[in-house]
Amino acid sequence: MRIVIQRANGAKVTIDGRVNAEFEGLGYVILLGIESTDTQEDVDWLVRKVAALRVFDDENGVMNRSILDIAGEHNGTDGNIIVVSQFTLFASYKKGNRPSWLRAASHEISVPLYEAFIQKLSETISRPVGHGEFGAEMKVSLCNDGPVTIIMDTHNKE
């Protein structure tokens, strides 16, 4: 699994002109790519890392607080995380100019792991996690705060 986490100050995902998820205030927009070799073990590891990641400022302006530490500092029905499926995170661009998606998992693998990631993250942070719709054409808007953008890959844990 590969994710791109963007620390945001407000975000929303829209599908066919309707808002599917949104939050105001501090939070994350997480783009999630799933590879054919990914498992529930990858979900568990990634959720632990996301929940504990300390990229929110403390009272001294130091990035020392996690998403768990800013609980309650959000405004919206979807908590302060939005997860969007993003198979293009596994684009291969070495040959030619048109990306290949061979490393991205099929729907049969991706959908259950995508849903498991959202569910496990919601349980871990004890509040709902907003999300897009797997396979849908989505519009994602956010105010990248900092900017802080971090990439995590379960196949590169060191």
N, C-alpha and C. Protein backbone atom coordinates (compact mmCIF):
# COMPACT_ATOMS: atom_id res chain seq x y z
N MET A 1 0.86 -1.17 0.00
CA MET A 1 0.00 0.00 0.00
C MET A 1 0.89 1.22 0.00
N ARG A 2 0.43 2.21 -0.67
CA ARG A 2 1.14 3.48 -0.71
C ARG A 2 0.12 4.58 -0.45
N ILE A 3 0.50 5.53 0.41
CA ILE A 3 -0.37 6.67 0.65
C ILE A 3 0.40 7.97 0.50
N VAL A 4 -0.34 8.97 0.14
CA VAL A 4 0.14 10.35 0.20
C VAL A 4 -0.78 11.03 1.19
N ILE A 5 -0.18 11.54 2.29
CA ILE A 5 -0.95 12.25 3.31
C ILE A 5 -0.68 13.73 3.15
N GLN A 6 -1.74 14.49 3.05
CA GLN A 6 -1.61 15.94 3.01
C GLN A 6 -2.30 16.51 4.24
N ARG A 7 -1.52 17.25 5.04
CA ARG A 7 -2.13 17.94 6.17
C ARG A 7 -2.94 19.09 5.59
N ALA A 8 -4.19 19.16 5.98
CA ALA A 8 -5.09 20.13 5.38
C ALA A 8 -5.79 20.97 6.43
N ASN A 9 -6.20 22.13 6.01
CA ASN A 9 -7.05 22.99 6.81
C ASN A 9 -8.35 23.13 6.03
N GLY A 10 -9.15 22.09 6.09
CA GLY A 10 -10.39 22.01 5.34
C GLY A 10 -10.21 21.24 4.04
N ALA A 11 -11.19 20.38 3.74
CA ALA A 11 -11.13 19.58 2.51
C ALA A 11 -12.51 19.04 2.19
N LYS A 12 -12.69 18.66 0.92
CA LYS A 12 -13.93 17.97 0.54
C LYS A 12 -13.69 17.16 -0.72
N VAL A 13 -14.49 16.12 -0.87
CA VAL A 13 -14.49 15.31 -2.07
C VAL A 13 -15.92 15.32 -2.63
N THR A 14 -16.00 15.62 -3.93
CA THR A 14 -17.28 15.76 -4.62
C THR A 14 -17.37 14.71 -5.72
N ILE A 15 -18.55 14.08 -5.84
CA ILE A 15 -18.82 13.10 -6.88
C ILE A 15 -20.10 13.50 -7.59
N ASP A 16 -20.02 13.69 -8.90
CA ASP A 16 -21.19 14.10 -9.69
C ASP A 16 -21.89 15.33 -9.12
N GLY A 17 -21.10 16.29 -8.65
CA GLY A 17 -21.65 17.55 -8.16
C GLY A 17 -22.16 17.51 -6.72
N ARG A 18 -22.12 16.36 -6.06
CA ARG A 18 -22.56 16.30 -4.67
C ARG A 18 -21.36 16.05 -3.77
N VAL A 19 -21.39 16.69 -2.60
CA VAL A 19 -20.31 16.52 -1.64
C VAL A 19 -20.46 15.16 -0.96
N ASN A 20 -19.46 14.34 -1.08
CA ASN A 20 -19.47 13.00 -0.48
C ASN A 20 -18.89 13.01 0.93
N ALA A 21 -17.89 13.87 1.15
CA ALA A 21 -17.26 14.01 2.47
C ALA A 21 -16.59 15.36 2.54
N GLU A 22 -16.56 15.94 3.75
CA GLU A 22 -15.86 17.22 3.92
C GLU A 22 -15.55 17.44 5.40
N PHE A 23 -14.56 18.27 5.64
CA PHE A 23 -14.29 18.74 6.99
C PHE A 23 -13.73 20.15 6.92
N GLU A 24 -13.91 20.87 8.01
CA GLU A 24 -13.32 22.19 8.19
C GLU A 24 -12.31 22.06 9.33
N GLY A 25 -11.32 22.91 9.34
CA GLY A 25 -10.29 22.83 10.37
C GLY A 25 -9.20 21.87 9.97
N LEU A 26 -8.34 21.54 10.92
CA LEU A 26 -7.18 20.69 10.64
C LEU A 26 -7.55 19.23 10.44
N GLY A 27 -6.83 18.58 9.55
CA GLY A 27 -7.04 17.16 9.30
C GLY A 27 -6.14 16.66 8.19
N TYR A 28 -6.48 15.49 7.67
CA TYR A 28 -5.71 14.85 6.60
C TYR A 28 -6.59 14.57 5.39
N VAL A 29 -6.00 14.70 4.23
CA VAL A 29 -6.51 14.08 3.02
C VAL A 29 -5.50 12.99 2.70
N ILE A 30 -5.98 11.76 2.59
CA ILE A 30 -5.12 10.61 2.34
C ILE A 30 -5.49 10.00 0.99
N LEU A 31 -4.53 9.98 0.08
CA LEU A 31 -4.68 9.29 -1.19
C LEU A 31 -4.10 7.90 -1.00
N LEU A 32 -4.89 6.86 -1.27
CA LEU A 32 -4.52 5.47 -0.97
C LEU A 32 -4.44 4.65 -2.25
N GLY A 33 -3.25 4.10 -2.50
CA GLY A 33 -3.05 3.19 -3.62
C GLY A 33 -2.80 1.79 -3.09
N ILE A 34 -3.38 0.80 -3.76
CA ILE A 34 -3.28 -0.59 -3.31
C ILE A 34 -2.65 -1.43 -4.40
N GLU A 35 -1.69 -2.23 -4.00
CA GLU A 35 -0.94 -3.11 -4.90
C GLU A 35 -1.46 -4.54 -4.76
N SER A 36 -1.27 -5.37 -5.77
CA SER A 36 -1.82 -6.72 -5.75
C SER A 36 -1.26 -7.59 -4.63
N THR A 37 -0.10 -7.26 -4.09
CA THR A 37 0.50 -8.06 -3.01
C THR A 37 0.11 -7.57 -1.62
N ASP A 38 -0.71 -6.54 -1.52
CA ASP A 38 -1.09 -5.98 -0.22
C ASP A 38 -2.07 -6.88 0.52
N THR A 39 -2.00 -6.80 1.86
CA THR A 39 -2.83 -7.65 2.72
C THR A 39 -3.37 -6.83 3.89
N GLN A 40 -4.15 -7.47 4.74
CA GLN A 40 -4.66 -6.84 5.95
C GLN A 40 -3.51 -6.39 6.85
N GLU A 41 -2.40 -7.09 6.82
CA GLU A 41 -1.23 -6.71 7.60
C GLU A 41 -0.74 -5.31 7.18
N ASP A 42 -0.80 -5.03 5.89
CA ASP A 42 -0.42 -3.70 5.39
C ASP A 42 -1.39 -2.64 5.90
N VAL A 43 -2.68 -2.96 5.90
CA VAL A 43 -3.69 -2.05 6.43
C VAL A 43 -3.38 -1.71 7.88
N ASP A 44 -3.15 -2.74 8.69
CA ASP A 44 -2.90 -2.54 10.12
C ASP A 44 -1.68 -1.67 10.37
N TRP A 45 -0.58 -1.96 9.66
CA TRP A 45 0.65 -1.18 9.84
C TRP A 45 0.43 0.28 9.46
N LEU A 46 -0.22 0.50 8.33
CA LEU A 46 -0.43 1.85 7.83
C LEU A 46 -1.35 2.65 8.73
N VAL A 47 -2.39 2.04 9.24
CA VAL A 47 -3.30 2.74 10.16
C VAL A 47 -2.56 3.15 11.43
N ARG A 48 -1.74 2.27 11.96
CA ARG A 48 -0.95 2.62 13.16
C ARG A 48 -0.04 3.83 12.88
N LYS A 49 0.60 3.84 11.72
CA LYS A 49 1.51 4.94 11.37
C LYS A 49 0.74 6.25 11.18
N VAL A 50 -0.38 6.20 10.50
CA VAL A 50 -1.18 7.41 10.25
C VAL A 50 -1.69 7.98 11.57
N ALA A 51 -2.23 7.14 12.43
CA ALA A 51 -2.79 7.61 13.69
C ALA A 51 -1.73 8.24 14.59
N ALA A 52 -0.52 7.72 14.55
CA ALA A 52 0.54 8.19 15.45
C ALA A 52 1.40 9.30 14.84
N LEU A 53 1.25 9.56 13.55
CA LEU A 53 2.08 10.55 12.87
C LEU A 53 1.92 11.93 13.51
N ARG A 54 3.02 12.52 13.93
CA ARG A 54 2.97 13.81 14.64
C ARG A 54 3.38 14.95 13.69
N VAL A 55 2.39 15.53 13.05
CA VAL A 55 2.66 16.63 12.12
C VAL A 55 1.80 17.87 12.39
N PHE A 56 1.10 17.87 13.51
CA PHE A 56 0.31 19.04 13.90
C PHE A 56 1.05 19.80 15.00
N ASP A 57 1.02 21.11 14.91
CA ASP A 57 1.78 21.95 15.85
C ASP A 57 1.25 21.87 17.27
N ASP A 58 2.19 21.85 18.23
CA ASP A 58 1.83 21.96 19.63
C ASP A 58 1.81 23.44 20.01
N GLU A 59 1.68 23.73 21.29
CA GLU A 59 1.59 25.12 21.75
C GLU A 59 2.87 25.92 21.49
N ASN A 60 3.97 25.23 21.18
CA ASN A 60 5.23 25.92 20.88
C ASN A 60 5.51 26.01 19.38
N GLY A 61 4.54 25.61 18.58
CA GLY A 61 4.71 25.67 17.14
C GLY A 61 5.58 24.55 16.57
N VAL A 62 5.74 23.48 17.34
CA VAL A 62 6.54 22.33 16.91
C VAL A 62 5.59 21.22 16.47
N MET A 63 5.88 20.57 15.34
CA MET A 63 5.05 19.46 14.88
C MET A 63 5.23 18.30 15.85
N ASN A 64 4.32 18.22 16.83
CA ASN A 64 4.46 17.26 17.91
C ASN A 64 3.12 16.62 18.29
N ARG A 65 2.07 16.90 17.51
CA ARG A 65 0.75 16.36 17.83
C ARG A 65 0.25 15.48 16.69
N SER A 66 -0.46 14.43 17.05
CA SER A 66 -1.01 13.50 16.05
C SER A 66 -2.47 13.84 15.78
N ILE A 67 -3.05 13.12 14.86
CA ILE A 67 -4.48 13.28 14.57
C ILE A 67 -5.31 12.93 15.80
N LEU A 68 -4.81 12.00 16.63
CA LEU A 68 -5.49 11.65 17.87
C LEU A 68 -5.48 12.82 18.86
N ASP A 69 -4.40 13.59 18.85
CA ASP A 69 -4.25 14.72 19.76
C ASP A 69 -5.14 15.90 19.40
N ILE A 70 -5.55 15.99 18.13
CA ILE A 70 -6.39 17.12 17.74
C ILE A 70 -7.86 16.73 17.69
N ALA A 71 -8.22 15.62 18.30
CA ALA A 71 -9.61 15.19 18.35
C ALA A 71 -10.48 16.31 18.91
N GLY A 72 -11.59 16.53 18.29
CA GLY A 72 -12.50 17.57 18.75
C GLY A 72 -12.18 18.93 18.16
N GLU A 73 -11.04 19.07 17.49
CA GLU A 73 -10.69 20.34 16.87
C GLU A 73 -11.06 20.32 15.39
N HIS A 74 -12.20 19.74 15.09
CA HIS A 74 -12.67 19.70 13.71
C HIS A 74 -14.13 20.12 13.66
N ASN A 75 -14.56 20.41 12.46
CA ASN A 75 -15.94 20.83 12.26
C ASN A 75 -16.43 20.13 11.00
N GLY A 76 -17.31 19.20 11.16
CA GLY A 76 -17.83 18.45 10.02
C GLY A 76 -18.31 17.09 10.48
N THR A 77 -19.16 16.47 9.72
CA THR A 77 -19.72 15.19 10.12
C THR A 77 -18.77 14.04 9.84
N ASP A 78 -17.71 14.29 9.07
CA ASP A 78 -16.81 13.22 8.68
C ASP A 78 -15.49 13.25 9.43
N GLY A 79 -15.50 13.75 10.67
CA GLY A 79 -14.24 13.82 11.41
C GLY A 79 -13.29 14.75 10.70
N ASN A 80 -12.02 14.44 10.74
CA ASN A 80 -11.07 15.30 10.07
C ASN A 80 -10.08 14.52 9.23
N ILE A 81 -10.57 13.46 8.61
CA ILE A 81 -9.79 12.69 7.63
C ILE A 81 -10.70 12.34 6.46
N ILE A 82 -10.16 12.50 5.27
CA ILE A 82 -10.84 12.02 4.06
C ILE A 82 -9.86 11.09 3.35
N VAL A 83 -10.31 9.89 3.00
CA VAL A 83 -9.51 8.91 2.27
C VAL A 83 -10.08 8.77 0.87
N VAL A 84 -9.19 8.83 -0.12
CA VAL A 84 -9.59 8.73 -1.52
C VAL A 84 -8.75 7.64 -2.18
N SER A 85 -9.41 6.70 -2.87
CA SER A 85 -8.67 5.65 -3.59
C SER A 85 -7.90 6.29 -4.74
N GLN A 86 -6.67 5.82 -4.97
CA GLN A 86 -5.79 6.47 -5.94
C GLN A 86 -4.86 5.43 -6.57
N PHE A 87 -5.40 4.66 -7.53
CA PHE A 87 -4.58 3.62 -8.16
C PHE A 87 -3.40 4.20 -8.92
N THR A 88 -3.47 5.47 -9.30
CA THR A 88 -2.39 6.09 -10.06
C THR A 88 -1.10 6.26 -9.25
N LEU A 89 -1.16 6.02 -7.93
CA LEU A 89 0.07 6.06 -7.13
C LEU A 89 1.03 4.95 -7.52
N PHE A 90 0.54 3.95 -8.26
CA PHE A 90 1.40 2.87 -8.73
C PHE A 90 1.67 2.95 -10.23
N ALA A 91 1.66 4.15 -10.76
CA ALA A 91 1.95 4.35 -12.17
C ALA A 91 3.39 3.97 -12.47
N SER A 92 3.59 3.27 -13.57
CA SER A 92 4.92 2.99 -14.08
C SER A 92 5.10 3.90 -15.30
N TYR A 93 6.14 4.68 -15.29
CA TYR A 93 6.34 5.69 -16.33
C TYR A 93 7.70 5.55 -17.00
N LYS A 94 8.37 4.42 -16.80
CA LYS A 94 9.73 4.24 -17.32
C LYS A 94 9.76 4.04 -18.83
N LYS A 95 8.76 3.39 -19.39
CA LYS A 95 8.73 3.15 -20.83
C LYS A 95 7.70 4.08 -21.47
N GLY A 96 8.14 4.92 -22.35
CA GLY A 96 7.22 5.80 -23.07
C GLY A 96 6.65 6.90 -22.19
N ASN A 97 5.59 7.49 -22.67
CA ASN A 97 4.98 8.63 -21.98
C ASN A 97 3.60 8.36 -21.44
N ARG A 98 3.05 7.20 -21.71
CA ARG A 98 1.75 6.84 -21.16
C ARG A 98 1.96 5.91 -19.97
N PRO A 99 1.50 6.31 -18.81
CA PRO A 99 1.73 5.46 -17.62
C PRO A 99 1.04 4.11 -17.74
N SER A 100 1.64 3.12 -17.10
CA SER A 100 1.06 1.79 -17.00
C SER A 100 0.63 1.59 -15.55
N TRP A 101 -0.45 0.84 -15.36
CA TRP A 101 -1.00 0.63 -14.01
C TRP A 101 -0.89 -0.83 -13.60
N LEU A 102 0.08 -1.56 -14.12
CA LEU A 102 0.20 -3.00 -13.87
C LEU A 102 0.37 -3.35 -12.40
N ARG A 103 0.99 -2.49 -11.62
CA ARG A 103 1.22 -2.79 -10.20
C ARG A 103 -0.02 -2.55 -9.34
N ALA A 104 -0.96 -1.78 -9.84
CA ALA A 104 -2.17 -1.51 -9.06
C ALA A 104 -3.02 -2.78 -8.99
N ALA A 105 -3.59 -3.01 -7.83
CA ALA A 105 -4.40 -4.22 -7.61
C ALA A 105 -5.72 -4.14 -8.35
N SER A 106 -6.27 -5.31 -8.63
CA SER A 106 -7.60 -5.39 -9.24
C SER A 106 -8.66 -4.95 -8.23
N HIS A 107 -9.88 -4.73 -8.72
CA HIS A 107 -10.98 -4.35 -7.84
C HIS A 107 -11.23 -5.40 -6.76
N GLU A 108 -11.08 -6.68 -7.11
CA GLU A 108 -11.33 -7.76 -6.16
C GLU A 108 -10.42 -7.68 -4.94
N ILE A 109 -9.22 -7.18 -5.14
CA ILE A 109 -8.27 -7.01 -4.03
C ILE A 109 -8.41 -5.63 -3.41
N SER A 110 -8.51 -4.61 -4.27
CA SER A 110 -8.50 -3.22 -3.80
C SER A 110 -9.69 -2.83 -2.96
N VAL A 111 -10.88 -3.15 -3.41
CA VAL A 111 -12.08 -2.69 -2.71
C VAL A 111 -12.13 -3.17 -1.26
N PRO A 112 -11.94 -4.46 -0.98
CA PRO A 112 -11.98 -4.89 0.43
C PRO A 112 -10.88 -4.23 1.28
N LEU A 113 -9.68 -4.05 0.73
CA LEU A 113 -8.60 -3.43 1.49
C LEU A 113 -8.84 -1.94 1.70
N TYR A 114 -9.39 -1.28 0.69
CA TYR A 114 -9.75 0.14 0.81
C TYR A 114 -10.79 0.32 1.92
N GLU A 115 -11.82 -0.51 1.90
CA GLU A 115 -12.86 -0.44 2.92
C GLU A 115 -12.32 -0.80 4.30
N ALA A 116 -11.42 -1.78 4.36
CA ALA A 116 -10.82 -2.18 5.64
C ALA A 116 -9.95 -1.05 6.20
N PHE A 117 -9.23 -0.35 5.33
CA PHE A 117 -8.40 0.78 5.78
C PHE A 117 -9.27 1.87 6.40
N ILE A 118 -10.35 2.22 5.74
CA ILE A 118 -11.25 3.26 6.24
C ILE A 118 -11.86 2.83 7.57
N GLN A 119 -12.34 1.59 7.65
CA GLN A 119 -12.97 1.08 8.87
C GLN A 119 -11.98 1.04 10.03
N LYS A 120 -10.80 0.50 9.79
CA LYS A 120 -9.79 0.38 10.85
C LYS A 120 -9.32 1.76 11.32
N LEU A 121 -9.15 2.70 10.38
CA LEU A 121 -8.73 4.05 10.74
C LEU A 121 -9.82 4.73 11.57
N SER A 122 -11.06 4.56 11.19
CA SER A 122 -12.18 5.13 11.94
C SER A 122 -12.22 4.57 13.36
N GLU A 123 -12.04 3.26 13.50
CA GLU A 123 -12.01 2.63 14.83
C GLU A 123 -10.83 3.15 15.65
N THR A 124 -9.70 3.33 15.02
CA THR A 124 -8.48 3.74 15.71
C THR A 124 -8.58 5.18 16.22
N ILE A 125 -9.18 6.06 15.44
CA ILE A 125 -9.28 7.47 15.86
C ILE A 125 -10.60 7.76 16.57
N SER A 126 -11.47 6.77 16.65
CA SER A 126 -12.76 6.85 17.35
C SER A 126 -13.68 7.95 16.80
N ARG A 127 -13.71 8.06 15.50
CA ARG A 127 -14.66 8.96 14.84
C ARG A 127 -14.75 8.59 13.36
N PRO A 128 -15.79 9.05 12.70
CA PRO A 128 -15.95 8.69 11.29
C PRO A 128 -14.81 9.22 10.43
N VAL A 129 -14.49 8.46 9.38
CA VAL A 129 -13.51 8.88 8.39
C VAL A 129 -14.26 9.07 7.08
N GLY A 130 -14.19 10.28 6.54
CA GLY A 130 -14.83 10.55 5.26
C GLY A 130 -14.06 9.85 4.15
N HIS A 131 -14.73 9.67 3.02
CA HIS A 131 -14.06 8.97 1.92
C HIS A 131 -14.73 9.28 0.60
N GLY A 132 -14.01 8.95 -0.44
CA GLY A 132 -14.56 9.03 -1.77
C GLY A 132 -15.30 7.74 -2.07
N GLU A 133 -15.53 7.52 -3.34
CA GLU A 133 -16.21 6.30 -3.79
C GLU A 133 -15.26 5.57 -4.72
N PHE A 134 -14.94 4.33 -4.39
CA PHE A 134 -13.95 3.59 -5.15
C PHE A 134 -14.34 3.54 -6.63
N GLY A 135 -13.42 3.93 -7.49
CA GLY A 135 -13.63 3.87 -8.93
C GLY A 135 -14.40 5.03 -9.52
N ALA A 136 -14.91 5.93 -8.69
CA ALA A 136 -15.70 7.06 -9.20
C ALA A 136 -14.78 8.19 -9.68
N GLU A 137 -15.30 9.01 -10.55
CA GLU A 137 -14.63 10.25 -10.96
C GLU A 137 -14.90 11.27 -9.86
N MET A 138 -13.85 11.69 -9.18
CA MET A 138 -14.01 12.56 -8.01
C MET A 138 -13.27 13.88 -8.20
N LYS A 139 -13.75 14.88 -7.52
CA LYS A 139 -13.08 16.17 -7.40
C LYS A 139 -12.69 16.31 -5.94
N VAL A 140 -11.40 16.47 -5.70
CA VAL A 140 -10.89 16.61 -4.34
C VAL A 140 -10.33 18.02 -4.19
N SER A 141 -10.81 18.74 -3.20
CA SER A 141 -10.26 20.07 -2.95
C SER A 141 -9.83 20.14 -1.50
N LEU A 142 -8.73 20.84 -1.28
CA LEU A 142 -8.21 20.99 0.06
C LEU A 142 -7.33 22.22 0.13
N CYS A 143 -7.14 22.69 1.33
CA CYS A 143 -6.17 23.73 1.60
C CYS A 143 -5.01 23.04 2.28
N ASN A 144 -3.94 22.76 1.51
CA ASN A 144 -2.77 22.07 2.06
C ASN A 144 -2.13 22.99 3.07
N ASP A 145 -2.03 22.54 4.29
CA ASP A 145 -1.57 23.35 5.41
C ASP A 145 -0.08 23.13 5.64
N GLY A 146 0.71 24.14 5.47
CA GLY A 146 2.14 24.07 5.71
C GLY A 146 2.96 24.53 4.52
N PRO A 147 2.97 23.86 3.41
CA PRO A 147 2.35 22.56 3.16
C PRO A 147 3.12 21.41 3.81
N VAL A 148 2.35 20.42 4.25
CA VAL A 148 2.93 19.19 4.78
C VAL A 148 2.35 18.05 3.95
N THR A 149 3.22 17.35 3.24
CA THR A 149 2.82 16.21 2.42
C THR A 149 3.82 15.09 2.66
N ILE A 150 3.32 13.92 3.03
CA ILE A 150 4.18 12.78 3.37
C ILE A 150 3.73 11.56 2.60
N ILE A 151 4.70 10.80 2.11
CA ILE A 151 4.41 9.55 1.39
C ILE A 151 4.83 8.38 2.28
N MET A 152 3.95 7.40 2.41
CA MET A 152 4.27 6.17 3.15
C MET A 152 4.01 4.99 2.24
N ASP A 153 4.85 3.97 2.35
CA ASP A 153 4.71 2.76 1.53
C ASP A 153 4.96 1.56 2.43
N THR A 154 4.01 0.63 2.47
CA THR A 154 4.15 -0.52 3.35
C THR A 154 5.24 -1.48 2.87
N HIS A 155 5.70 -1.33 1.65
CA HIS A 155 6.78 -2.16 1.14
C HIS A 155 8.14 -1.50 1.32
N ASN A 156 8.14 -0.39 2.05
CA ASN A 156 9.38 0.33 2.36
C ASN A 156 9.28 0.85 3.79
N LYS A 157 9.22 -0.06 4.74
CA LYS A 157 8.97 0.29 6.14
C LYS A 157 10.20 0.78 6.88
N GLU A 158 11.34 0.71 6.29
CA GLU A 158 12.58 1.08 6.99
C GLU A 158 12.98 2.50 6.72
